[in-house]
Amino acid sequence: MSLVFLPEDMNWRCEPCGVPIEPGKVELAYLGQVFHVELPVCPKCGAAFVYEELALGRIFEVEQLLEDK
């Protein structure tokens, strides 16, 4: 199962490559836990983009839960 974290506005471009980003599957790891998620990804270089709302919201909450274990 994969979690999907895509912004409402996907009209972004990868700055180094200049191409539009697309939804893509990414593996995130933190404190030995691995999560398969769908994030905005550059189809050219493969860079995944964690937008501010996600980083300060859901990802921060998961970090706190894992650190409290």
Protein backbone atom coordinates (compact mmCIF):
# COMPACT_ATOMS: atom_id res chain seq x y z
CA MET A 1 0.00 0.00 0.00
CA SER A 2 1.28 3.45 -0.88
CA LEU A 3 0.28 6.75 0.69
CA VAL A 4 -0.40 9.63 -1.65
CA PHE A 5 0.81 13.14 -0.78
CA LEU A 6 0.27 15.38 -3.77
CA PRO A 7 -0.41 19.12 -3.62
CA GLU A 8 -3.61 20.47 -5.11
CA ASP A 9 -1.53 22.56 -7.52
CA MET A 10 0.80 20.32 -9.54
CA ASN A 11 1.88 23.16 -11.86
CA TRP A 12 5.48 22.98 -10.64
CA ARG A 13 8.74 22.53 -12.53
CA CYS A 14 12.03 21.00 -11.47
CA GLU A 15 14.34 24.02 -11.27
CA PRO A 16 17.55 22.27 -12.43
CA CYS A 17 15.88 20.29 -15.24
CA GLY A 18 13.16 22.73 -16.30
CA VAL A 19 10.58 19.98 -16.76
CA PRO A 20 7.14 19.69 -15.12
CA ILE A 21 7.02 17.43 -12.08
CA GLU A 22 4.74 14.39 -12.04
CA PRO A 23 3.33 12.08 -9.37
CA GLY A 24 5.79 9.30 -8.61
CA LYS A 25 6.43 6.53 -6.11
CA VAL A 26 9.15 7.27 -3.53
CA GLU A 27 10.61 5.35 -0.61
CA LEU A 28 11.09 7.43 2.56
CA ALA A 29 13.08 6.09 5.51
CA TYR A 30 13.28 7.49 9.04
CA LEU A 31 14.65 5.84 12.19
CA GLY A 32 14.68 2.42 10.54
CA GLN A 33 11.10 2.66 9.28
CA VAL A 34 10.42 2.65 5.54
CA PHE A 35 7.37 4.26 3.95
CA HIS A 36 6.26 3.96 0.33
CA VAL A 37 4.56 7.18 -0.72
CA GLU A 38 3.54 9.04 -3.85
CA LEU A 39 5.06 12.52 -4.09
CA PRO A 40 5.79 15.08 -6.80
CA VAL A 41 8.86 13.80 -8.68
CA CYS A 42 10.97 15.09 -11.56
CA PRO A 43 10.70 12.55 -14.39
CA LYS A 44 14.14 13.56 -15.68
CA CYS A 45 16.41 13.55 -12.61
CA GLY A 46 14.17 11.64 -10.16
CA ALA A 47 14.28 14.29 -7.44
CA ALA A 48 11.31 14.07 -5.08
CA PHE A 49 9.76 17.30 -3.84
CA VAL A 50 8.44 17.53 -0.28
CA TYR A 51 6.37 20.68 -0.22
CA GLU A 52 6.26 22.86 2.90
CA GLU A 53 2.70 22.02 3.95
CA LEU A 54 3.53 18.30 3.95
CA ALA A 55 6.90 18.72 5.69
CA LEU A 56 5.49 20.85 8.50
CA GLY A 57 2.30 18.81 8.79
CA ARG A 58 2.02 15.07 8.27
CA ILE A 59 5.73 14.26 7.99
CA PHE A 60 6.50 16.20 11.17
CA GLU A 61 3.72 14.31 13.00
CA VAL A 62 5.11 10.93 11.88
CA GLU A 63 8.64 11.95 12.95
CA GLN A 64 7.34 12.83 16.41
CA LEU A 65 5.47 9.51 16.73
CA LEU A 66 8.55 7.51 15.69
CA GLU A 67 10.85 9.44 18.02
CA ASP A 68 8.51 8.84 20.97
CA LYS A 69 8.67 5.04 20.50
